C-alpha cells in the first residue's frame, strides 16, 4: 500500500513540478526567514550590549555639577568639584560599594618616541580602573598597580591604537620608554583590542593611562575629572545612586534631591535600556518572520485548494464506481 502511495506521490510531483517547487520554496523561505530574522535580532542586541559594556560594567561615573536649588542658606548655581578624598569618603559611608577609582584627565598630551610624535588623551587612574572599565592588558603586559600609585612611578599603559601610532604594528612596546609631555615613561602594558561603542573622553584604544598619584604630582590638579564606583550587586544600583547624593550632599552642602548638583552616568540603567531596545528589535524581527511564514502558508493553502478543486470530479467518479479510499 505504501509503495502505491509513494508511486502516486512521485507521479503527481512529476506532473505538477511547478506547483511542487513553489510549495516547497514557500515553506522553506518562510521558515528560513523566521530563523534568520530572529538570529539577526539576537546578534544586534548582543552587539549593542557589548558596545556599551566595552566602556564599563555595573558602574557609576560621578562628576561634579552645579546646584540648581538653594539649600541650608546657600544659593543655587554653586559649582561642585570632587577631590580624591571623596572616593574614600564614599567607600567608608556606603557599604554597597565594592570598588572604586578616581580619574584625572588631560587632552592634547604629547607622546613622543624619537622623531615620532602624536597627541592623545592622558588619564590618571587607580588599579580598580582595570576591571571596572574592562581595560584588560594584552599578553605580556599589565595595568597600573598599587605599588605604582604608592611610589608615583612613571609607568604608562597605552591604548592599542595609540601604541600602534607610536611604535608601529610589528614592535612590542612593553618595557620601552616613551616621552610624555617631556618626561620619560616606561610602557608596562597595552590594551587588549576590544569592541567599544560608548566612550568617556574618547575611545580607550586611543589614550594613555598613568597612576593618578603620578598625574597629580606632574600636573598639579586639585580636582578629579570624575569618580567611578561599582556596587557589589547590580540590583542595589538605585539605592547606591540615592546614597551617592546623600553622602556628597552632606559634605558639599547641597540638597540630596538636586540631581544637577552631580553628573551621574548610570551604566546599570543604560544596560537595562539597551537590553530592552534589543529585545524590542528581536520581537519585531520575530513578528516579521512569523508574518512571512503565514504568507507562505497562505500561498501553500491556495495551491492545495486549486489541486483539490481540479480533482473533485475525479474523486466523485471514483466514489460513484464504489471506491472507498
C-alpha atoms as a PDB file:
ATOM      1  CA  UNK A   1       0.000   0.000   0.000  1.00  0.00           C
ATOM      2  CA  UNK A   2       2.797   2.360   0.952  1.00  0.00           C
ATOM      3  CA  UNK A   3       4.624   1.703  -2.307  1.00  0.00           C
ATOM      4  CA  UNK A   4       1.457   2.513  -4.279  1.00  0.00           C
ATOM      5  CA  UNK A   5       1.012   5.805  -2.410  1.00  0.00           C
ATOM      6  CA  UNK A   6       4.677   6.620  -2.941  1.00  0.00           C
ATOM      7  CA  UNK A   7       4.399   5.967  -6.683  1.00  0.00           C
ATOM      8  CA  UNK A   8       1.287   8.158  -6.918  1.00  0.00           C
ATOM      9  CA  UNK A   9       3.031  10.905  -4.951  1.00  0.00           C
ATOM     10  CA  UNK A  10       6.097  10.801  -7.183  1.00  0.00           C
ATOM     11  CA  UNK A  11       3.861  10.715 -10.242  1.00  0.00           C
ATOM     12  CA  UNK A  12       1.966  13.802  -9.066  1.00  0.00           C
ATOM     13  CA  UNK A  13       5.259  15.579  -8.400  1.00  0.00           C
ATOM     14  CA  UNK A  14       6.403  14.904 -11.953  1.00  0.00           C
ATOM     15  CA  UNK A  15       3.128  16.156 -13.388  1.00  0.00           C
ATOM     16  CA  UNK A  16       2.858  19.176 -11.075  1.00  0.00           C
ATOM     17  CA  UNK A  17       6.538  20.155 -10.944  1.00  0.00           C
ATOM     18  CA  UNK A  18       5.909  23.894 -10.823  1.00  0.00           C
ATOM     19  CA  UNK A  19       3.349  23.657  -8.033  1.00  0.00           C
ATOM     20  CA  UNK A  20       5.516  21.259  -6.041  1.00  0.00           C
ATOM     21  CA  UNK A  21       8.525  23.570  -6.372  1.00  0.00           C
ATOM     22  CA  UNK A  22       6.525  26.647  -5.380  1.00  0.00           C
ATOM     23  CA  UNK A  23       5.070  24.840  -2.359  1.00  0.00           C
ATOM     24  CA  UNK A  24       8.494  23.658  -1.203  1.00  0.00           C
ATOM     25  CA  UNK A  25      10.046  27.081  -1.827  1.00  0.00           C
ATOM     26  CA  UNK A  26       7.291  28.929   0.066  1.00  0.00           C
ATOM     27  CA  UNK A  27       7.561  26.733   3.170  1.00  0.00           C
ATOM     28  CA  UNK A  28      11.374  26.772   3.123  1.00  0.00           C
ATOM     29  CA  UNK A  29      11.586  30.528   2.586  1.00  0.00           C
ATOM     30  CA  UNK A  30       9.075  31.263   5.351  1.00  0.00           C
ATOM     31  CA  UNK A  31      10.873  29.034   7.863  1.00  0.00           C
ATOM     32  CA  UNK A  32      14.285  30.405   6.886  1.00  0.00           C
ATOM     33  CA  UNK A  33      13.025  33.979   7.210  1.00  0.00           C
ATOM     34  CA  UNK A  34      11.873  33.350  10.789  1.00  0.00           C
ATOM     35  CA  UNK A  35      15.214  31.801  11.771  1.00  0.00           C
ATOM     36  CA  UNK A  36      17.338  34.482  10.076  1.00  0.00           C
ATOM     37  CA  UNK A  37      15.352  37.416  11.445  1.00  0.00           C
ATOM     38  CA  UNK A  38      15.416  36.037  14.994  1.00  0.00           C
ATOM     39  CA  UNK A  39      19.163  35.412  14.694  1.00  0.00           C
ATOM     40  CA  UNK A  40      19.718  38.931  13.343  1.00  0.00           C
ATOM     41  CA  UNK A  41      17.724  40.421  16.219  1.00  0.00           C
ATOM     42  CA  UNK A  42      19.707  38.446  18.806  1.00  0.00           C
ATOM     43  CA  UNK A  43      23.005  39.399  17.175  1.00  0.00           C
ATOM     44  CA  UNK A  44      22.059  43.078  17.081  1.00  0.00           C
ATOM     45  CA  UNK A  45      21.015  43.000  20.746  1.00  0.00           C
ATOM     46  CA  UNK A  46      24.321  41.436  21.796  1.00  0.00           C
ATOM     47  CA  UNK A  47      26.354  43.841  19.666  1.00  0.00           C
ATOM     48  CA  UNK A  48      24.690  46.905  21.191  1.00  0.00           C
ATOM     49  CA  UNK A  49      25.137  45.496  24.706  1.00  0.00           C
ATOM     50  CA  UNK A  50      28.793  44.582  24.132  1.00  0.00           C
ATOM     51  CA  UNK A  51      29.424  48.064  22.746  1.00  0.00           C
ATOM     52  CA  UNK A  52      28.153  49.603  25.977  1.00  0.00           C
ATOM     53  CA  UNK A  53      29.989  47.138  28.229  1.00  0.00           C
ATOM     54  CA  UNK A  54      33.229  47.922  26.400  1.00  0.00           C
ATOM     55  CA  UNK A  55      33.266  51.207  28.333  1.00  0.00           C
ATOM     56  CA  UNK A  56      32.383  49.648  31.693  1.00  0.00           C
ATOM     57  CA  UNK A  57      30.046  47.267  33.503  1.00  0.00           C
ATOM     58  CA  UNK A  58      27.837  47.865  36.568  1.00  0.00           C
ATOM     59  CA  UNK A  59      29.467  51.214  37.312  1.00  0.00           C
ATOM     60  CA  UNK A  60      28.535  54.780  38.146  1.00  0.00           C
ATOM     61  CA  UNK A  61      30.659  57.638  36.829  1.00  0.00           C
ATOM     62  CA  UNK A  62      30.248  60.570  39.208  1.00  0.00           C
ATOM     63  CA  UNK A  63      31.034  64.108  38.021  1.00  0.00           C
ATOM     64  CA  UNK A  64      30.845  67.409  39.838  1.00  0.00           C
ATOM     65  CA  UNK A  65      27.908  69.560  38.741  1.00  0.00           C
ATOM     66  CA  UNK A  66      26.182  72.808  39.670  1.00  0.00           C
ATOM     67  CA  UNK A  67      23.453  73.242  42.260  1.00  0.00           C
ATOM     68  CA  UNK A  68      20.018  74.177  40.952  1.00  0.00           C
ATOM     69  CA  UNK A  69      18.340  74.586  44.349  1.00  0.00           C
ATOM     70  CA  UNK A  70      19.024  76.745  47.391  1.00  0.00           C
ATOM     71  CA  UNK A  71      19.957  74.681  50.451  1.00  0.00           C
ATOM     72  CA  UNK A  72      20.849  75.440  54.084  1.00  0.00           C
ATOM     73  CA  UNK A  73      21.147  79.156  53.435  1.00  0.00           C
ATOM     74  CA  UNK A  74      23.305  78.671  50.335  1.00  0.00           C
ATOM     75  CA  UNK A  75      22.088  79.875  46.951  1.00  0.00           C
ATOM     76  CA  UNK A  76      21.776  77.947  43.729  1.00  0.00           C
ATOM     77  CA  UNK A  77      24.414  77.959  40.987  1.00  0.00           C
ATOM     78  CA  UNK A  78      27.280  76.756  43.201  1.00  0.00           C
ATOM     79  CA  UNK A  79      29.910  74.655  41.422  1.00  0.00           C
ATOM     80  CA  UNK A  80      30.560  71.226  42.964  1.00  0.00           C
ATOM     81  CA  UNK A  81      34.071  69.924  42.304  1.00  0.00           C
ATOM     82  CA  UNK A  82      35.185  66.495  43.508  1.00  0.00           C
ATOM     83  CA  UNK A  83      38.564  65.549  45.018  1.00  0.00           C
ATOM     84  CA  UNK A  84      40.457  62.291  45.636  1.00  0.00           C
ATOM     85  CA  UNK A  85      39.340  62.090  49.260  1.00  0.00           C
ATOM     86  CA  UNK A  86      35.714  61.837  48.138  1.00  0.00           C
ATOM     87  CA  UNK A  87      36.331  58.285  46.952  1.00  0.00           C
ATOM     88  CA  UNK A  88      37.448  57.120  50.402  1.00  0.00           C
ATOM     89  CA  UNK A  89      34.540  59.033  51.923  1.00  0.00           C
ATOM     90  CA  UNK A  90      32.069  57.164  49.710  1.00  0.00           C
ATOM     91  CA  UNK A  91      33.682  53.771  50.349  1.00  0.00           C
ATOM     92  CA  UNK A  92      33.546  54.304  54.101  1.00  0.00           C
ATOM     93  CA  UNK A  93      29.978  55.619  54.169  1.00  0.00           C
ATOM     94  CA  UNK A  94      28.328  53.273  51.655  1.00  0.00           C
ATOM     95  CA  UNK A  95      28.784  49.511  52.313  1.00  0.00           C
ATOM     96  CA  UNK A  96      27.225  48.670  48.929  1.00  0.00           C
ATOM     97  CA  UNK A  97      30.319  49.966  47.093  1.00  0.00           C
ATOM     98  CA  UNK A  98      32.565  47.080  46.042  1.00  0.00           C
ATOM     99  CA  UNK A  99      35.407  49.029  44.410  1.00  0.00           C
ATOM    100  CA  UNK A 100      36.192  52.464  43.050  1.00  0.00           C
ATOM    101  CA  UNK A 101      38.712  54.678  41.303  1.00  0.00           C
ATOM    102  CA  UNK A 102      39.251  58.340  40.559  1.00  0.00           C
ATOM    103  CA  UNK A 103      40.157  59.725  37.155  1.00  0.00           C
ATOM    104  CA  UNK A 104      42.218  62.746  36.186  1.00  0.00           C
ATOM    105  CA  UNK A 105      42.304  63.678  32.510  1.00  0.00           C
ATOM    106  CA  UNK A 106      44.225  65.866  30.101  1.00  0.00           C
ATOM    107  CA  UNK A 107      43.589  66.402  26.383  1.00  0.00           C
ATOM    108  CA  UNK A 108      46.340  67.163  23.863  1.00  0.00           C
ATOM    109  CA  UNK A 109      49.111  65.356  25.738  1.00  0.00           C
ATOM    110  CA  UNK A 110      52.250  64.879  23.621  1.00  0.00           C
ATOM    111  CA  UNK A 111      53.589  61.314  23.219  1.00  0.00           C
ATOM    112  CA  UNK A 112      56.994  61.074  21.560  1.00  0.00           C
ATOM    113  CA  UNK A 113      59.336  58.275  20.509  1.00  0.00           C
ATOM    114  CA  UNK A 114      62.345  59.551  18.598  1.00  0.00           C
ATOM    115  CA  UNK A 115      61.004  61.580  15.696  1.00  0.00           C
ATOM    116  CA  UNK A 116      57.519  60.091  16.022  1.00  0.00           C
ATOM    117  CA  UNK A 117      55.180  62.467  17.839  1.00  0.00           C
ATOM    118  CA  UNK A 118      51.429  62.314  18.383  1.00  0.00           C
ATOM    119  CA  UNK A 119      48.838  63.823  20.702  1.00  0.00           C
ATOM    120  CA  UNK A 120      46.172  61.947  22.681  1.00  0.00           C
ATOM    121  CA  UNK A 121      44.154  61.937  25.890  1.00  0.00           C
ATOM    122  CA  UNK A 122      46.115  61.133  29.072  1.00  0.00           C
ATOM    123  CA  UNK A 123      44.324  59.710  32.104  1.00  0.00           C
ATOM    124  CA  UNK A 124      45.469  59.208  35.697  1.00  0.00           C
ATOM    125  CA  UNK A 125      43.662  56.340  37.455  1.00  0.00           C
ATOM    126  CA  UNK A 126      43.911  53.661  40.149  1.00  0.00           C
ATOM    127  CA  UNK A 127      44.247  49.847  39.938  1.00  0.00           C
ATOM    128  CA  UNK A 128      40.488  49.177  40.220  1.00  0.00           C
ATOM    129  CA  UNK A 129      40.007  51.099  36.990  1.00  0.00           C
ATOM    130  CA  UNK A 130      41.025  47.959  35.056  1.00  0.00           C
ATOM    131  CA  UNK A 131      38.162  45.581  35.976  1.00  0.00           C
ATOM    132  CA  UNK A 132      35.510  48.301  36.156  1.00  0.00           C
ATOM    133  CA  UNK A 133      36.321  49.738  32.725  1.00  0.00           C
ATOM    134  CA  UNK A 134      37.392  46.481  31.052  1.00  0.00           C
ATOM    135  CA  UNK A 135      40.942  47.728  30.485  1.00  0.00           C
ATOM    136  CA  UNK A 136      42.403  44.255  30.028  1.00  0.00           C
ATOM    137  CA  UNK A 137      46.100  44.263  29.046  1.00  0.00           C
ATOM    138  CA  UNK A 138      47.333  42.296  26.058  1.00  0.00           C
ATOM    139  CA  UNK A 139      49.613  39.303  26.632  1.00  0.00           C
ATOM    140  CA  UNK A 140      52.910  40.179  28.292  1.00  0.00           C
ATOM    141  CA  UNK A 141      51.745  43.438  29.848  1.00  0.00           C
ATOM    142  CA  UNK A 142      49.953  44.667  32.950  1.00  0.00           C
ATOM    143  CA  UNK A 143      47.816  47.532  34.177  1.00  0.00           C
ATOM    144  CA  UNK A 144      48.599  50.155  36.828  1.00  0.00           C
ATOM    145  CA  UNK A 145      49.067  48.541  40.275  1.00  0.00           C
ATOM    146  CA  UNK A 146      49.102  49.674  43.916  1.00  0.00           C
ATOM    147  CA  UNK A 147      52.906  49.930  44.031  1.00  0.00           C
ATOM    148  CA  UNK A 148      52.858  52.276  41.041  1.00  0.00           C
ATOM    149  CA  UNK A 149      50.452  54.506  42.982  1.00  0.00           C
ATOM    150  CA  UNK A 150      52.419  54.400  46.241  1.00  0.00           C
ATOM    151  CA  UNK A 151      55.771  55.161  44.582  1.00  0.00           C
ATOM    152  CA  UNK A 152      54.376  57.581  41.988  1.00  0.00           C
ATOM    153  CA  UNK A 153      56.089  55.624  39.250  1.00  0.00           C
ATOM    154  CA  UNK A 154      56.383  56.908  35.710  1.00  0.00           C
ATOM    155  CA  UNK A 155      54.760  53.885  34.121  1.00  0.00           C
ATOM    156  CA  UNK A 156      52.453  54.042  31.120  1.00  0.00           C
ATOM    157  CA  UNK A 157      49.597  51.854  29.890  1.00  0.00           C
ATOM    158  CA  UNK A 158      48.789  52.505  26.224  1.00  0.00           C
ATOM    159  CA  UNK A 159      45.606  52.044  24.232  1.00  0.00           C
ATOM    160  CA  UNK A 160      46.224  49.632  21.372  1.00  0.00           C
ATOM    161  CA  UNK A 161      45.646  52.216  18.627  1.00  0.00           C
ATOM    162  CA  UNK A 162      47.858  54.801  20.339  1.00  0.00           C
ATOM    163  CA  UNK A 163      50.599  52.189  20.784  1.00  0.00           C
ATOM    164  CA  UNK A 164      50.402  51.378  17.081  1.00  0.00           C
ATOM    165  CA  UNK A 165      50.730  55.056  16.146  1.00  0.00           C
ATOM    166  CA  UNK A 166      53.813  55.440  18.324  1.00  0.00           C
ATOM    167  CA  UNK A 167      55.627  52.137  17.756  1.00  0.00           C
ATOM    168  CA  UNK A 168      54.124  50.758  14.561  1.00  0.00           C
ATOM    169  CA  UNK A 169      52.476  47.370  14.076  1.00  0.00           C
ATOM    170  CA  UNK A 170      55.423  44.994  14.488  1.00  0.00           C
ATOM    171  CA  UNK A 171      57.127  46.383  17.609  1.00  0.00           C
ATOM    172  CA  UNK A 172      56.371  45.166  21.141  1.00  0.00           C
ATOM    173  CA  UNK A 173      56.147  48.340  23.271  1.00  0.00           C
ATOM    174  CA  UNK A 174      56.460  46.577  26.670  1.00  0.00           C
ATOM    175  CA  UNK A 175      59.490  47.816  28.597  1.00  0.00           C
ATOM    176  CA  UNK A 176      60.278  50.597  26.148  1.00  0.00           C
ATOM    177  CA  UNK A 177      60.399  54.289  27.014  1.00  0.00           C
ATOM    178  CA  UNK A 178      58.035  56.961  25.696  1.00  0.00           C
ATOM    179  CA  UNK A 179      58.379  60.684  26.378  1.00  0.00           C
ATOM    180  CA  UNK A 180      55.094  62.119  27.692  1.00  0.00           C
ATOM    181  CA  UNK A 181      54.987  65.917  27.796  1.00  0.00           C
ATOM    182  CA  UNK A 182      58.782  65.972  28.056  1.00  0.00           C
ATOM    183  CA  UNK A 183      59.097  63.265  30.752  1.00  0.00           C
ATOM    184  CA  UNK A 184      60.189  59.643  30.126  1.00  0.00           C
ATOM    185  CA  UNK A 185      57.705  56.893  30.976  1.00  0.00           C
ATOM    186  CA  UNK A 186      58.144  53.107  30.780  1.00  0.00           C
ATOM    187  CA  UNK A 187      55.410  51.213  28.944  1.00  0.00           C
ATOM    188  CA  UNK A 188      54.128  48.382  31.156  1.00  0.00           C
ATOM    189  CA  UNK A 189      51.077  47.322  29.163  1.00  0.00           C
ATOM    190  CA  UNK A 190      48.993  47.732  26.028  1.00  0.00           C
ATOM    191  CA  UNK A 191      45.212  47.482  25.929  1.00  0.00           C
ATOM    192  CA  UNK A 192      43.847  44.255  24.507  1.00  0.00           C
ATOM    193  CA  UNK A 193      41.696  45.091  21.487  1.00  0.00           C
ATOM    194  CA  UNK A 194      38.035  45.363  22.428  1.00  0.00           C
ATOM    195  CA  UNK A 195      34.723  46.497  20.961  1.00  0.00           C
ATOM    196  CA  UNK A 196      33.574  49.796  22.452  1.00  0.00           C
ATOM    197  CA  UNK A 197      30.555  51.758  21.281  1.00  0.00           C
ATOM    198  CA  UNK A 198      30.247  54.128  24.262  1.00  0.00           C
ATOM    199  CA  UNK A 199      33.133  56.244  25.488  1.00  0.00           C
ATOM    200  CA  UNK A 200      34.210  58.815  28.029  1.00  0.00           C
ATOM    201  CA  UNK A 201      36.691  61.369  26.655  1.00  0.00           C
ATOM    202  CA  UNK A 202      37.187  59.280  23.531  1.00  0.00           C
ATOM    203  CA  UNK A 203      37.799  55.560  22.993  1.00  0.00           C
ATOM    204  CA  UNK A 204      40.077  53.654  25.364  1.00  0.00           C
ATOM    205  CA  UNK A 205      42.099  52.444  22.381  1.00  0.00           C
ATOM    206  CA  UNK A 206      43.380  55.982  21.772  1.00  0.00           C
ATOM    207  CA  UNK A 207      44.579  57.083  25.214  1.00  0.00           C
ATOM    208  CA  UNK A 208      47.464  56.738  27.629  1.00  0.00           C
ATOM    209  CA  UNK A 209      46.976  55.793  31.288  1.00  0.00           C
ATOM    210  CA  UNK A 210      49.315  56.542  34.224  1.00  0.00           C
ATOM    211  CA  UNK A 211      48.983  56.283  38.047  1.00  0.00           C
ATOM    212  CA  UNK A 212      46.732  59.001  39.441  1.00  0.00           C
ATOM    213  CA  UNK A 213      49.402  59.931  42.018  1.00  0.00           C
ATOM    214  CA  UNK A 214      51.929  60.493  39.229  1.00  0.00           C
ATOM    215  CA  UNK A 215      49.424  62.538  37.248  1.00  0.00           C
ATOM    216  CA  UNK A 216      48.642  64.758  40.241  1.00  0.00           C
ATOM    217  CA  UNK A 217      52.339  65.273  41.016  1.00  0.00           C
ATOM    218  CA  UNK A 218      53.223  66.273  37.444  1.00  0.00           C
ATOM    219  CA  UNK A 219      50.239  68.432  36.552  1.00  0.00           C
ATOM    220  CA  UNK A 220      49.198  69.679  39.996  1.00  0.00           C
ATOM    221  CA  UNK A 221      45.453  69.046  39.611  1.00  0.00           C
ATOM    222  CA  UNK A 222      43.392  69.741  42.718  1.00  0.00           C
ATOM    223  CA  UNK A 223      40.147  68.287  41.414  1.00  0.00           C
ATOM    224  CA  UNK A 224      39.442  64.956  39.729  1.00  0.00           C
ATOM    225  CA  UNK A 225      37.581  64.690  36.435  1.00  0.00           C
ATOM    226  CA  UNK A 226      35.259  62.085  37.904  1.00  0.00           C
ATOM    227  CA  UNK A 227      34.959  59.180  40.312  1.00  0.00           C
ATOM    228  CA  UNK A 228      33.969  55.628  39.366  1.00  0.00           C
ATOM    229  CA  UNK A 229      32.228  53.288  41.814  1.00  0.00           C
ATOM    230  CA  UNK A 230      30.837  49.796  41.370  1.00  0.00           C
ATOM    231  CA  UNK A 231      28.164  48.219  43.618  1.00  0.00           C
ATOM    232  CA  UNK A 232      28.524  44.696  44.978  1.00  0.00           C
ATOM    233  CA  UNK A 233      25.137  43.830  43.500  1.00  0.00           C
ATOM    234  CA  UNK A 234      23.653  45.454  40.385  1.00  0.00           C
ATOM    235  CA  UNK A 235      20.174  45.216  41.919  1.00  0.00           C
ATOM    236  CA  UNK A 236      21.324  47.707  44.570  1.00  0.00           C
ATOM    237  CA  UNK A 237      22.123  50.296  41.909  1.00  0.00           C
ATOM    238  CA  UNK A 238      19.118  52.587  42.556  1.00  0.00           C
ATOM    239  CA  UNK A 239      19.851  52.634  46.304  1.00  0.00           C
ATOM    240  CA  UNK A 240      23.529  53.370  45.663  1.00  0.00           C
ATOM    241  CA  UNK A 241      22.541  56.298  43.473  1.00  0.00           C
ATOM    242  CA  UNK A 242      20.494  57.792  46.320  1.00  0.00           C
ATOM    243  CA  UNK A 243      23.376  57.254  48.750  1.00  0.00           C
ATOM    244  CA  UNK A 244      25.861  58.997  46.443  1.00  0.00           C
ATOM    245  CA  UNK A 245      23.746  62.142  46.505  1.00  0.00           C
ATOM    246  CA  UNK A 246      23.185  61.860  50.261  1.00  0.00           C
ATOM    247  CA  UNK A 247      26.843  61.433  51.265  1.00  0.00           C
ATOM    248  CA  UNK A 248      28.271  64.018  48.877  1.00  0.00           C
ATOM    249  CA  UNK A 249      25.348  66.327  49.654  1.00  0.00           C
ATOM    250  CA  UNK A 250      26.318  66.299  53.324  1.00  0.00           C
ATOM    251  CA  UNK A 251      29.924  67.202  52.517  1.00  0.00           C
ATOM    252  CA  UNK A 252      29.277  69.871  49.893  1.00  0.00           C
ATOM    253  CA  UNK A 253      26.010  71.076  51.450  1.00  0.00           C
ATOM    254  CA  UNK A 254      23.554  70.632  48.611  1.00  0.00           C
ATOM    255  CA  UNK A 255      20.041  69.181  48.507  1.00  0.00           C
ATOM    256  CA  UNK A 256      20.289  65.357  48.069  1.00  0.00           C
ATOM    257  CA  UNK A 257      17.349  65.616  45.645  1.00  0.00           C
ATOM    258  CA  UNK A 258      19.154  68.185  43.476  1.00  0.00           C
ATOM    259  CA  UNK A 259      20.104  65.965  40.526  1.00  0.00           C
ATOM    260  CA  UNK A 260      22.051  68.739  38.802  1.00  0.00           C
ATOM    261  CA  UNK A 261      24.480  69.037  41.711  1.00  0.00           C
ATOM    262  CA  UNK A 262      26.207  65.914  40.396  1.00  0.00           C
ATOM    263  CA  UNK A 263      26.597  64.466  36.943  1.00  0.00           C
ATOM    264  CA  UNK A 264      25.896  60.736  37.037  1.00  0.00           C
ATOM    265  CA  UNK A 265      26.418  58.186  34.259  1.00  0.00           C
ATOM    266  CA  UNK A 266      24.469  55.101  35.345  1.00  0.00           C
ATOM    267  CA  UNK A 267      25.766  52.110  33.362  1.00  0.00           C
ATOM    268  CA  UNK A 268      23.348  49.727  35.090  1.00  0.00           C
ATOM    269  CA  UNK A 269      20.323  51.676  33.872  1.00  0.00           C
ATOM    270  CA  UNK A 270      21.870  52.144  30.433  1.00  0.00           C
ATOM    271  CA  UNK A 271      22.368  48.383  30.142  1.00  0.00           C
ATOM    272  CA  UNK A 272      18.721  47.762  31.083  1.00  0.00           C
ATOM    273  CA  UNK A 273      17.539  50.237  28.455  1.00  0.00           C
ATOM    274  CA  UNK A 274      19.882  48.755  25.863  1.00  0.00           C
ATOM    275  CA  UNK A 275      18.604  45.236  26.542  1.00  0.00           C
ATOM    276  CA  UNK A 276      15.000  46.483  26.387  1.00  0.00           C
ATOM    277  CA  UNK A 277      15.619  48.106  23.000  1.00  0.00           C
ATOM    278  CA  UNK A 278      17.390  44.970  21.790  1.00  0.00           C
ATOM    279  CA  UNK A 279      14.506  42.785  22.964  1.00  0.00           C
ATOM    280  CA  UNK A 280      12.045  45.071  21.180  1.00  0.00           C
ATOM    281  CA  UNK A 281      14.030  44.768  17.953  1.00  0.00           C
ATOM    282  CA  UNK A 282      14.195  40.994  18.370  1.00  0.00           C
ATOM    283  CA  UNK A 283      10.421  40.737  18.911  1.00  0.00           C
ATOM    284  CA  UNK A 284       9.798  42.936  15.872  1.00  0.00           C
ATOM    285  CA  UNK A 285      12.079  40.766  13.745  1.00  0.00           C
ATOM    286  CA  UNK A 286      10.317  37.656  15.013  1.00  0.00           C
ATOM    287  CA  UNK A 287       6.891  39.076  14.131  1.00  0.00           C
ATOM    288  CA  UNK A 288       8.100  39.974  10.643  1.00  0.00           C
ATOM    289  CA  UNK A 289       9.360  36.413  10.247  1.00  0.00           C
ATOM    290  CA  UNK A 290       6.097  34.914  11.511  1.00  0.00           C
ATOM    291  CA  UNK A 291       4.034  37.017   9.105  1.00  0.00           C
ATOM    292  CA  UNK A 292       6.366  35.974   6.290  1.00  0.00           C
ATOM    293  CA  UNK A 293       5.751  32.337   7.218  1.00  0.00           C
ATOM    294  CA  UNK A 294       1.987  32.955   7.374  1.00  0.00           C
ATOM    295  CA  UNK A 295       2.048  34.479   3.898  1.00  0.00           C
ATOM    296  CA  UNK A 296       3.939  31.424   2.678  1.00  0.00           C
ATOM    297  CA  UNK A 297       1.338  29.219   4.368  1.00  0.00           C
ATOM    298  CA  UNK A 298      -1.495  31.078   2.632  1.00  0.00           C
ATOM    299  CA  UNK A 299       0.264  30.515  -0.676  1.00  0.00           C
ATOM    300  CA  UNK A 300       0.572  26.797   0.017  1.00  0.00           C
ATOM    301  CA  UNK A 301      -3.102  26.629   1.047  1.00  0.00           C
ATOM    302  CA  UNK A 302      -4.128  28.297  -2.218  1.00  0.00           C
ATOM    303  CA  UNK A 303      -2.082  25.818  -4.222  1.00  0.00           C
ATOM    304  CA  UNK A 304      -3.629  22.883  -2.343  1.00  0.00           C
ATOM    305  CA  UNK A 305      -7.122  24.330  -2.841  1.00  0.00           C
ATOM    306  CA  UNK A 306      -6.581  24.533  -6.600  1.00  0.00           C
ATOM    307  CA  UNK A 307      -5.267  20.948  -6.676  1.00  0.00           C
ATOM    308  CA  UNK A 308      -8.273  19.625  -4.742  1.00  0.00           C
ATOM    309  CA  UNK A 309     -10.677  21.652  -6.910  1.00  0.00           C
ATOM    310  CA  UNK A 310      -9.198  20.188 -10.080  1.00  0.00           C
ATOM    311  CA  UNK A 311      -9.502  16.639  -8.789  1.00  0.00           C
ATOM    312  CA  UNK A 312     -13.002  16.957  -7.317  1.00  0.00           C
ATOM    313  CA  UNK A 313     -14.582  15.476 -10.454  1.00  0.00           C
ATOM    314  CA  UNK A 314     -12.081  12.615 -10.479  1.00  0.00           C
ATOM    315  CA  UNK A 315     -12.790  11.814  -6.828  1.00  0.00           C
ATOM    316  CA  UNK A 316     -16.567  11.912  -7.452  1.00  0.00           C
ATOM    317  CA  UNK A 317     -16.304   9.418 -10.322  1.00  0.00           C
ATOM    318  CA  UNK A 318     -14.196   7.051  -8.183  1.00  0.00           C
ATOM    319  CA  UNK A 319     -16.741   7.198  -5.363  1.00  0.00           C
ATOM    320  CA  UNK A 320     -19.601   6.527  -7.834  1.00  0.00           C
ATOM    321  CA  UNK A 321     -17.785   3.413  -9.011  1.00  0.00           C
ATOM    322  CA  UNK A 322     -17.596   2.111  -5.454  1.00  0.00           C
ATOM    323  CA  UNK A 323     -14.163   3.289  -4.362  1.00  0.00           C
ATOM    324  CA  UNK A 324     -13.888   3.639  -0.588  1.00  0.00           C
ATOM    325  CA  UNK A 325     -10.461   5.348  -0.426  1.00  0.00           C
END
